[in-house]
N, C-alpha and C. Protein backbone atom coordinates (compact mmCIF):
# COMPACT_ATOMS: atom_id res chain seq x y z
N UNK A 1 246.86 -0.90 -89.35
CA UNK A 1 247.70 -2.03 -89.01
C UNK A 1 246.95 -3.05 -88.14
N UNK A 2 246.14 -2.51 -87.22
CA UNK A 2 245.40 -3.40 -86.34
C UNK A 2 244.39 -4.24 -87.13
N UNK A 3 243.79 -3.64 -88.17
CA UNK A 3 242.82 -4.37 -88.99
C UNK A 3 243.48 -5.52 -89.73
N UNK A 4 244.71 -5.32 -90.15
CA UNK A 4 245.44 -6.35 -90.89
C UNK A 4 245.70 -7.56 -89.99
N UNK A 5 245.95 -7.34 -88.74
CA UNK A 5 246.22 -8.43 -87.79
C UNK A 5 244.91 -9.00 -87.26
N UNK A 6 243.95 -8.15 -87.01
CA UNK A 6 242.69 -8.56 -86.40
C UNK A 6 241.87 -9.48 -87.31
N UNK A 7 241.77 -9.18 -88.57
CA UNK A 7 240.97 -9.99 -89.49
C UNK A 7 241.48 -11.43 -89.60
N UNK A 8 242.78 -11.67 -89.85
CA UNK A 8 243.25 -13.06 -89.88
C UNK A 8 243.07 -13.78 -88.54
N UNK A 9 243.22 -13.05 -87.45
CA UNK A 9 243.04 -13.67 -86.13
C UNK A 9 241.59 -14.10 -85.94
N UNK A 10 240.65 -13.27 -86.36
CA UNK A 10 239.23 -13.62 -86.25
C UNK A 10 238.91 -14.82 -87.15
N UNK A 11 239.44 -14.83 -88.35
CA UNK A 11 239.22 -15.95 -89.26
C UNK A 11 239.79 -17.25 -88.70
N UNK A 12 240.98 -17.18 -88.12
CA UNK A 12 241.61 -18.37 -87.54
C UNK A 12 240.80 -18.91 -86.37
N UNK A 13 240.38 -18.03 -85.47
CA UNK A 13 239.58 -18.46 -84.32
C UNK A 13 238.24 -19.04 -84.79
N UNK A 14 237.64 -18.42 -85.79
CA UNK A 14 236.37 -18.93 -86.33
C UNK A 14 236.54 -20.31 -86.95
N UNK A 15 237.62 -20.51 -87.69
CA UNK A 15 237.88 -21.82 -88.32
C UNK A 15 238.10 -22.89 -87.27
N UNK A 16 238.85 -22.57 -86.23
CA UNK A 16 239.10 -23.54 -85.15
C UNK A 16 237.79 -23.87 -84.43
N UNK A 17 236.98 -22.87 -84.16
CA UNK A 17 235.69 -23.10 -83.49
C UNK A 17 234.78 -23.98 -84.35
N UNK A 18 234.71 -23.69 -85.66
CA UNK A 18 233.90 -24.51 -86.57
C UNK A 18 234.38 -25.96 -86.57
N UNK A 19 235.68 -26.16 -86.65
CA UNK A 19 236.26 -27.50 -86.69
C UNK A 19 235.92 -28.27 -85.41
N UNK A 20 236.14 -27.64 -84.26
CA UNK A 20 235.86 -28.31 -82.98
C UNK A 20 234.37 -28.64 -82.85
N UNK A 21 233.52 -27.71 -83.26
CA UNK A 21 232.07 -27.94 -83.20
C UNK A 21 231.67 -29.08 -84.13
N UNK A 22 232.27 -29.15 -85.29
CA UNK A 22 231.92 -30.17 -86.29
C UNK A 22 232.33 -31.58 -85.87
N UNK A 23 233.29 -31.70 -84.97
CA UNK A 23 233.73 -33.02 -84.51
C UNK A 23 232.81 -33.60 -83.44
N UNK A 24 232.00 -32.75 -82.84
CA UNK A 24 231.11 -33.20 -81.77
C UNK A 24 229.96 -34.02 -82.34
N UNK A 25 229.31 -34.84 -81.49
CA UNK A 25 228.16 -35.62 -81.97
C UNK A 25 227.06 -34.72 -82.52
N UNK A 26 226.39 -35.20 -83.53
CA UNK A 26 225.30 -34.44 -84.14
C UNK A 26 224.13 -34.31 -83.16
N UNK A 27 223.83 -35.41 -82.44
CA UNK A 27 222.74 -35.41 -81.46
C UNK A 27 223.12 -36.38 -80.35
N UNK A 28 223.65 -35.86 -79.26
CA UNK A 28 224.17 -36.72 -78.19
C UNK A 28 223.09 -37.55 -77.51
N UNK A 29 221.82 -37.23 -77.71
CA UNK A 29 220.74 -37.99 -77.08
C UNK A 29 220.16 -39.07 -77.99
N UNK A 30 220.61 -39.14 -79.24
CA UNK A 30 220.07 -40.09 -80.22
C UNK A 30 220.98 -41.31 -80.33
N UNK A 31 220.60 -42.40 -79.65
CA UNK A 31 221.41 -43.62 -79.67
C UNK A 31 220.91 -44.64 -80.69
N UNK A 32 219.97 -44.27 -81.52
CA UNK A 32 219.47 -45.20 -82.55
C UNK A 32 220.58 -45.51 -83.54
N UNK A 33 220.70 -46.77 -83.88
CA UNK A 33 221.72 -47.19 -84.85
C UNK A 33 221.18 -46.97 -86.25
N UNK A 34 222.03 -46.42 -87.09
CA UNK A 34 221.65 -46.18 -88.48
C UNK A 34 222.59 -46.96 -89.39
N UNK A 35 222.02 -47.73 -90.32
CA UNK A 35 222.87 -48.51 -91.22
C UNK A 35 223.57 -47.62 -92.25
N UNK A 36 224.85 -47.83 -92.40
CA UNK A 36 225.67 -47.09 -93.37
C UNK A 36 226.51 -48.12 -94.11
N UNK A 37 226.51 -48.05 -95.43
CA UNK A 37 227.36 -48.91 -96.24
C UNK A 37 228.46 -48.07 -96.86
N UNK A 38 229.70 -48.40 -96.50
CA UNK A 38 230.87 -47.74 -97.08
C UNK A 38 231.39 -48.68 -98.16
N UNK A 39 231.28 -48.26 -99.39
CA UNK A 39 231.70 -49.10 -100.50
C UNK A 39 233.21 -49.02 -100.70
N UNK A 40 233.76 -50.09 -101.19
CA UNK A 40 235.19 -50.14 -101.47
C UNK A 40 235.55 -49.09 -102.52
N UNK A 41 236.66 -48.42 -102.31
CA UNK A 41 237.13 -47.43 -103.26
C UNK A 41 236.69 -46.01 -102.99
N UNK A 42 235.83 -45.81 -101.98
CA UNK A 42 235.41 -44.45 -101.65
C UNK A 42 236.57 -43.69 -101.01
N UNK A 43 236.71 -42.44 -101.38
CA UNK A 43 237.73 -41.60 -100.76
C UNK A 43 237.23 -41.13 -99.39
N UNK A 44 238.13 -40.60 -98.58
CA UNK A 44 237.74 -40.10 -97.27
C UNK A 44 236.75 -38.94 -97.43
N UNK A 45 236.90 -38.17 -98.46
CA UNK A 45 235.96 -37.07 -98.74
C UNK A 45 234.58 -37.64 -99.08
N UNK A 46 234.54 -38.73 -99.87
CA UNK A 46 233.27 -39.37 -100.22
C UNK A 46 232.59 -39.96 -98.98
N UNK A 47 233.39 -40.57 -98.11
CA UNK A 47 232.84 -41.15 -96.88
C UNK A 47 232.25 -40.05 -96.01
N UNK A 48 232.99 -38.96 -95.87
CA UNK A 48 232.49 -37.82 -95.10
C UNK A 48 231.19 -37.27 -95.66
N UNK A 49 231.12 -37.15 -96.99
CA UNK A 49 229.90 -36.65 -97.63
C UNK A 49 228.73 -37.61 -97.40
N UNK A 50 229.00 -38.92 -97.46
CA UNK A 50 227.97 -39.92 -97.21
C UNK A 50 227.44 -39.81 -95.78
N UNK A 51 228.36 -39.70 -94.82
CA UNK A 51 227.95 -39.60 -93.41
C UNK A 51 227.17 -38.32 -93.15
N UNK A 52 227.56 -37.25 -93.81
CA UNK A 52 226.82 -35.99 -93.66
C UNK A 52 225.44 -36.11 -94.30
N UNK A 53 225.36 -36.72 -95.47
CA UNK A 53 224.09 -36.91 -96.16
C UNK A 53 223.13 -37.77 -95.33
N UNK A 54 223.66 -38.79 -94.68
CA UNK A 54 222.85 -39.69 -93.86
C UNK A 54 222.59 -39.11 -92.46
N UNK A 55 223.04 -37.88 -92.25
CA UNK A 55 222.85 -37.16 -90.99
C UNK A 55 223.43 -37.91 -89.79
N UNK A 56 224.66 -38.40 -89.97
CA UNK A 56 225.40 -39.03 -88.89
C UNK A 56 226.39 -38.03 -88.28
N UNK A 57 226.94 -37.17 -89.12
CA UNK A 57 227.91 -36.17 -88.68
C UNK A 57 227.47 -34.79 -89.15
N UNK A 58 228.09 -33.77 -88.56
CA UNK A 58 227.76 -32.38 -88.92
C UNK A 58 228.38 -31.97 -90.25
N UNK A 59 229.63 -32.36 -90.48
CA UNK A 59 230.35 -31.87 -91.66
C UNK A 59 231.25 -32.94 -92.25
N UNK A 60 231.03 -33.24 -93.50
CA UNK A 60 231.90 -34.16 -94.21
C UNK A 60 233.30 -33.60 -94.38
N UNK A 61 233.40 -32.29 -94.52
CA UNK A 61 234.71 -31.65 -94.67
C UNK A 61 235.52 -31.78 -93.38
N UNK A 62 234.88 -31.57 -92.24
CA UNK A 62 235.59 -31.71 -90.96
C UNK A 62 236.01 -33.16 -90.75
N UNK A 63 235.16 -34.11 -91.16
CA UNK A 63 235.49 -35.53 -91.07
C UNK A 63 236.75 -35.83 -91.88
N UNK A 64 236.78 -35.38 -93.12
CA UNK A 64 237.94 -35.62 -94.00
C UNK A 64 239.19 -34.94 -93.45
N UNK A 65 239.04 -33.73 -92.95
CA UNK A 65 240.18 -33.01 -92.38
C UNK A 65 240.74 -33.73 -91.16
N UNK A 66 239.85 -34.21 -90.28
CA UNK A 66 240.28 -34.95 -89.10
C UNK A 66 241.03 -36.22 -89.52
N UNK A 67 240.48 -36.96 -90.47
CA UNK A 67 241.12 -38.20 -90.93
C UNK A 67 242.50 -37.92 -91.51
N UNK A 68 242.63 -36.87 -92.28
CA UNK A 68 243.93 -36.51 -92.87
C UNK A 68 244.92 -36.07 -91.80
N UNK A 69 244.47 -35.24 -90.87
CA UNK A 69 245.36 -34.73 -89.82
C UNK A 69 245.87 -35.85 -88.91
N UNK A 70 245.07 -36.90 -88.76
CA UNK A 70 245.46 -38.02 -87.89
C UNK A 70 246.04 -39.20 -88.68
N UNK A 71 246.20 -39.03 -89.98
CA UNK A 71 246.85 -40.04 -90.81
C UNK A 71 246.11 -41.36 -90.91
N UNK A 72 244.79 -41.32 -90.92
CA UNK A 72 244.02 -42.57 -90.94
C UNK A 72 243.22 -42.76 -92.23
N UNK A 73 243.47 -41.94 -93.22
CA UNK A 73 242.68 -42.04 -94.45
C UNK A 73 242.80 -43.42 -95.11
N UNK A 74 243.97 -43.99 -95.08
CA UNK A 74 244.18 -45.28 -95.75
C UNK A 74 243.66 -46.46 -94.93
N UNK A 75 243.37 -46.24 -93.65
CA UNK A 75 242.95 -47.36 -92.80
C UNK A 75 241.44 -47.46 -92.63
N UNK A 76 240.68 -46.59 -93.28
CA UNK A 76 239.22 -46.70 -93.21
C UNK A 76 238.77 -47.90 -94.05
N UNK A 77 237.90 -48.70 -93.48
CA UNK A 77 237.49 -49.96 -94.11
C UNK A 77 236.13 -49.82 -94.80
N UNK A 78 235.95 -50.60 -95.84
CA UNK A 78 234.65 -50.71 -96.48
C UNK A 78 233.81 -51.71 -95.70
N UNK A 79 232.51 -51.59 -95.81
CA UNK A 79 231.63 -52.55 -95.15
C UNK A 79 230.32 -51.91 -94.72
N UNK A 80 229.52 -52.71 -94.03
CA UNK A 80 228.25 -52.24 -93.50
C UNK A 80 228.42 -51.95 -92.02
N UNK A 81 228.01 -50.78 -91.61
CA UNK A 81 228.19 -50.34 -90.23
C UNK A 81 226.87 -49.82 -89.68
N UNK A 82 226.72 -49.93 -88.37
CA UNK A 82 225.60 -49.32 -87.67
C UNK A 82 226.18 -48.20 -86.82
N UNK A 83 225.93 -46.98 -87.21
CA UNK A 83 226.50 -45.83 -86.53
C UNK A 83 225.40 -45.02 -85.87
N UNK A 84 225.79 -44.29 -84.83
CA UNK A 84 224.83 -43.48 -84.08
C UNK A 84 225.13 -41.99 -84.26
N UNK A 85 224.10 -41.19 -84.21
CA UNK A 85 224.28 -39.74 -84.26
C UNK A 85 224.91 -39.23 -82.97
N UNK A 86 224.92 -40.05 -81.93
CA UNK A 86 225.51 -39.66 -80.65
C UNK A 86 227.01 -39.92 -80.61
N UNK A 87 227.59 -40.41 -81.71
CA UNK A 87 229.03 -40.64 -81.77
C UNK A 87 229.72 -39.40 -82.33
N UNK A 88 230.90 -39.13 -81.77
CA UNK A 88 231.72 -38.03 -82.28
C UNK A 88 232.47 -38.52 -83.52
N UNK A 89 233.06 -37.59 -84.25
CA UNK A 89 233.84 -37.96 -85.44
C UNK A 89 234.97 -38.92 -85.07
N UNK A 90 235.74 -38.68 -83.99
CA UNK A 90 236.79 -39.66 -83.64
C UNK A 90 236.23 -41.06 -83.36
N UNK A 91 235.07 -41.15 -82.73
CA UNK A 91 234.45 -42.46 -82.46
C UNK A 91 234.01 -43.13 -83.76
N UNK A 92 233.47 -42.36 -84.67
CA UNK A 92 233.05 -42.91 -85.97
C UNK A 92 234.27 -43.37 -86.76
N UNK A 93 235.34 -42.59 -86.74
CA UNK A 93 236.58 -42.99 -87.42
C UNK A 93 237.08 -44.31 -86.85
N UNK A 94 237.06 -44.45 -85.51
CA UNK A 94 237.49 -45.71 -84.89
C UNK A 94 236.64 -46.88 -85.37
N UNK A 95 235.33 -46.67 -85.47
CA UNK A 95 234.44 -47.74 -85.94
C UNK A 95 234.75 -48.11 -87.38
N UNK A 96 235.01 -47.11 -88.22
CA UNK A 96 235.31 -47.37 -89.63
C UNK A 96 236.70 -47.96 -89.82
N UNK A 97 237.60 -47.71 -88.91
CA UNK A 97 238.95 -48.29 -89.00
C UNK A 97 238.95 -49.74 -88.57
N UNK A 98 238.09 -50.10 -87.64
CA UNK A 98 238.08 -51.48 -87.14
C UNK A 98 237.59 -52.44 -88.21
N UNK A 99 236.74 -51.95 -89.10
CA UNK A 99 236.21 -52.81 -90.16
C UNK A 99 235.20 -53.82 -89.66
N UNK A 100 234.91 -53.78 -88.38
CA UNK A 100 233.95 -54.73 -87.81
C UNK A 100 232.57 -54.10 -87.85
N UNK A 101 231.69 -54.76 -88.55
CA UNK A 101 230.31 -54.30 -88.56
C UNK A 101 229.68 -54.65 -87.23
N UNK A 102 228.92 -53.72 -86.71
CA UNK A 102 228.26 -53.96 -85.43
C UNK A 102 227.13 -54.96 -85.64
N UNK A 103 227.07 -55.94 -84.78
CA UNK A 103 226.01 -56.94 -84.88
C UNK A 103 224.97 -56.68 -83.82
N UNK A 104 223.74 -56.90 -84.19
CA UNK A 104 222.62 -56.72 -83.28
C UNK A 104 221.85 -58.02 -83.24
N UNK A 105 221.62 -58.53 -82.06
CA UNK A 105 220.85 -59.76 -81.90
C UNK A 105 219.37 -59.41 -81.78
N UNK A 106 218.56 -60.07 -82.58
CA UNK A 106 217.12 -59.85 -82.55
C UNK A 106 216.44 -61.20 -82.45
N UNK A 107 215.61 -61.36 -81.44
CA UNK A 107 214.81 -62.57 -81.30
C UNK A 107 213.35 -62.18 -81.46
N UNK A 108 212.70 -62.80 -82.42
CA UNK A 108 211.29 -62.51 -82.66
C UNK A 108 210.48 -63.62 -82.01
N UNK A 109 209.78 -63.29 -80.93
CA UNK A 109 209.02 -64.31 -80.21
C UNK A 109 207.89 -64.88 -81.05
N UNK A 110 207.57 -66.13 -80.78
CA UNK A 110 206.47 -66.79 -81.47
C UNK A 110 205.18 -66.02 -81.22
N UNK A 111 204.39 -65.88 -82.25
CA UNK A 111 203.12 -65.19 -82.12
C UNK A 111 203.16 -63.71 -82.44
N UNK A 112 204.36 -63.17 -82.70
CA UNK A 112 204.46 -61.76 -83.07
C UNK A 112 203.80 -61.53 -84.43
N UNK A 113 203.06 -60.46 -84.53
CA UNK A 113 202.47 -60.07 -85.81
C UNK A 113 203.49 -59.24 -86.58
N UNK A 114 203.17 -58.94 -87.83
CA UNK A 114 204.04 -58.09 -88.65
C UNK A 114 204.23 -56.74 -87.95
N UNK A 115 203.16 -56.21 -87.39
CA UNK A 115 203.23 -54.93 -86.69
C UNK A 115 204.14 -55.02 -85.47
N UNK A 116 204.06 -56.13 -84.73
CA UNK A 116 204.93 -56.32 -83.57
C UNK A 116 206.40 -56.41 -84.00
N UNK A 117 206.65 -57.14 -85.09
CA UNK A 117 208.03 -57.27 -85.61
C UNK A 117 208.56 -55.91 -86.04
N UNK A 118 207.72 -55.14 -86.70
CA UNK A 118 208.11 -53.80 -87.14
C UNK A 118 208.52 -52.95 -85.94
N UNK A 119 207.72 -52.98 -84.90
CA UNK A 119 208.01 -52.19 -83.70
C UNK A 119 209.31 -52.64 -83.05
N UNK A 120 209.55 -53.95 -82.99
CA UNK A 120 210.78 -54.47 -82.39
C UNK A 120 212.01 -54.05 -83.19
N UNK A 121 211.95 -54.18 -84.50
CA UNK A 121 213.08 -53.81 -85.35
C UNK A 121 213.34 -52.30 -85.31
N UNK A 122 212.28 -51.51 -85.23
CA UNK A 122 212.44 -50.05 -85.12
C UNK A 122 213.04 -49.68 -83.77
N UNK A 123 212.62 -50.38 -82.72
CA UNK A 123 213.15 -50.11 -81.37
C UNK A 123 214.65 -50.40 -81.31
N UNK A 124 215.09 -51.42 -82.03
CA UNK A 124 216.52 -51.77 -82.08
C UNK A 124 217.30 -50.81 -82.97
N UNK A 125 216.59 -49.94 -83.68
CA UNK A 125 217.25 -48.97 -84.55
C UNK A 125 217.68 -49.55 -85.88
N UNK A 126 217.10 -50.67 -86.28
CA UNK A 126 217.50 -51.33 -87.52
C UNK A 126 216.71 -50.83 -88.73
N UNK A 127 215.50 -50.34 -88.49
CA UNK A 127 214.66 -49.83 -89.57
C UNK A 127 213.91 -48.61 -89.07
N UNK A 128 213.33 -47.88 -90.00
CA UNK A 128 212.41 -46.80 -89.64
C UNK A 128 211.07 -47.44 -89.31
N UNK A 129 210.38 -46.91 -88.32
CA UNK A 129 209.08 -47.45 -87.93
C UNK A 129 208.15 -47.46 -89.14
N UNK A 130 207.49 -48.59 -89.35
CA UNK A 130 206.54 -48.74 -90.45
C UNK A 130 207.12 -49.36 -91.70
N UNK A 131 208.44 -49.39 -91.84
CA UNK A 131 209.07 -49.89 -93.07
C UNK A 131 208.82 -51.39 -93.26
N UNK A 132 208.91 -52.16 -92.18
CA UNK A 132 208.73 -53.61 -92.27
C UNK A 132 207.28 -53.93 -92.61
N UNK A 133 206.35 -53.25 -91.95
CA UNK A 133 204.93 -53.47 -92.22
C UNK A 133 204.61 -53.13 -93.67
N UNK A 134 205.13 -52.01 -94.14
CA UNK A 134 204.90 -51.59 -95.52
C UNK A 134 205.44 -52.62 -96.51
N UNK A 135 206.63 -53.14 -96.24
CA UNK A 135 207.21 -54.14 -97.14
C UNK A 135 206.39 -55.44 -97.11
N UNK A 136 205.94 -55.84 -95.94
CA UNK A 136 205.14 -57.06 -95.84
C UNK A 136 203.85 -56.93 -96.64
N UNK A 137 203.38 -55.71 -96.80
CA UNK A 137 202.14 -55.48 -97.54
C UNK A 137 202.39 -55.25 -99.03
N UNK A 138 203.48 -54.56 -99.37
CA UNK A 138 203.64 -54.08 -100.74
C UNK A 138 204.87 -54.58 -101.50
N UNK A 139 205.81 -55.23 -100.85
CA UNK A 139 207.02 -55.67 -101.56
C UNK A 139 206.70 -56.81 -102.53
N UNK A 140 207.44 -56.86 -103.61
CA UNK A 140 207.27 -57.93 -104.60
C UNK A 140 207.94 -59.19 -104.06
N UNK A 141 207.13 -60.16 -103.70
CA UNK A 141 207.64 -61.41 -103.12
C UNK A 141 207.51 -62.57 -104.10
N UNK A 142 207.34 -62.28 -105.38
CA UNK A 142 207.11 -63.32 -106.38
C UNK A 142 208.33 -64.23 -106.56
N UNK A 143 209.50 -63.82 -106.15
CA UNK A 143 210.70 -64.64 -106.31
C UNK A 143 210.73 -65.80 -105.31
N UNK A 144 209.87 -65.76 -104.31
CA UNK A 144 209.85 -66.81 -103.29
C UNK A 144 208.76 -67.82 -103.62
N UNK A 145 209.18 -68.93 -104.23
CA UNK A 145 208.24 -69.93 -104.74
C UNK A 145 207.36 -70.55 -103.66
N UNK A 146 207.85 -70.61 -102.43
CA UNK A 146 207.10 -71.28 -101.37
C UNK A 146 205.93 -70.44 -100.85
N UNK A 147 205.87 -69.15 -101.22
CA UNK A 147 204.77 -68.30 -100.77
C UNK A 147 203.58 -68.43 -101.70
N UNK A 148 202.37 -68.37 -101.15
CA UNK A 148 201.19 -68.40 -102.01
C UNK A 148 201.14 -67.16 -102.89
N UNK A 149 200.51 -67.26 -104.05
CA UNK A 149 200.43 -66.10 -104.94
C UNK A 149 199.64 -64.99 -104.23
N UNK A 150 200.09 -63.77 -104.40
CA UNK A 150 199.45 -62.63 -103.74
C UNK A 150 199.89 -62.44 -102.31
N UNK A 151 200.84 -63.22 -101.84
CA UNK A 151 201.31 -63.08 -100.45
C UNK A 151 201.87 -61.68 -100.25
N UNK A 152 201.53 -61.11 -99.13
CA UNK A 152 202.04 -59.80 -98.80
C UNK A 152 201.24 -58.67 -99.40
N UNK A 153 200.14 -58.98 -100.07
CA UNK A 153 199.36 -57.92 -100.72
C UNK A 153 198.10 -57.53 -99.92
N UNK A 154 197.87 -58.19 -98.81
CA UNK A 154 196.67 -57.88 -98.02
C UNK A 154 197.06 -57.07 -96.78
N UNK A 155 196.05 -56.60 -96.06
CA UNK A 155 196.31 -55.79 -94.86
C UNK A 155 197.10 -56.59 -93.82
N UNK A 156 197.93 -55.88 -93.05
CA UNK A 156 198.71 -56.41 -91.94
C UNK A 156 199.60 -57.58 -92.35
N UNK A 157 200.10 -57.59 -93.54
CA UNK A 157 201.03 -58.62 -93.95
C UNK A 157 200.39 -59.75 -94.72
N UNK A 158 199.07 -59.82 -94.68
CA UNK A 158 198.35 -60.83 -95.45
C UNK A 158 198.84 -62.23 -95.18
N UNK A 159 198.95 -63.02 -96.23
CA UNK A 159 199.32 -64.43 -96.09
C UNK A 159 200.80 -64.64 -95.87
N UNK A 160 201.59 -63.59 -95.87
CA UNK A 160 203.02 -63.74 -95.63
C UNK A 160 203.33 -63.77 -94.14
N UNK A 161 202.39 -63.34 -93.30
CA UNK A 161 202.64 -63.20 -91.88
C UNK A 161 203.13 -64.49 -91.23
N UNK A 162 202.58 -65.62 -91.56
CA UNK A 162 203.00 -66.88 -90.96
C UNK A 162 204.38 -67.34 -91.39
N UNK A 163 204.91 -66.78 -92.46
CA UNK A 163 206.23 -67.15 -92.97
C UNK A 163 207.34 -66.31 -92.36
N UNK A 164 206.99 -65.24 -91.68
CA UNK A 164 207.99 -64.35 -91.12
C UNK A 164 208.43 -64.90 -89.80
């Protein structure tokens, strides 16, 4: 008889502990902003899976369960958001309900090189370090008529550096 009562009690306590743990921030010391695009028409389960895939939250299932339990599934907005791994699930839900994309002001001082710009954008949490430099060197810029041919194909940004 004790086993019949004990097993469900252990399962219930384990489920509650998992749920509470899953709502906590993934990394409370990581304040870097990560861009997330929530497309129109995504279900709360899809949003949770996206956030888990992008390593913003611990569990997409816990995210969806929290949203359902608090009756906010219909109020989550589509859009582009900058979210942090240091945010809890309730904080992320609040950000997604507001529908306001977080804006970041960036001023690139005169004389900055492509490498300097890359470091500044990475410090603001807008890109991964090296991504801007790589694009300045390797991205296809042929659609921009005002750039010289071959722009962006040389070391350190090549001839595109003065246009940035």
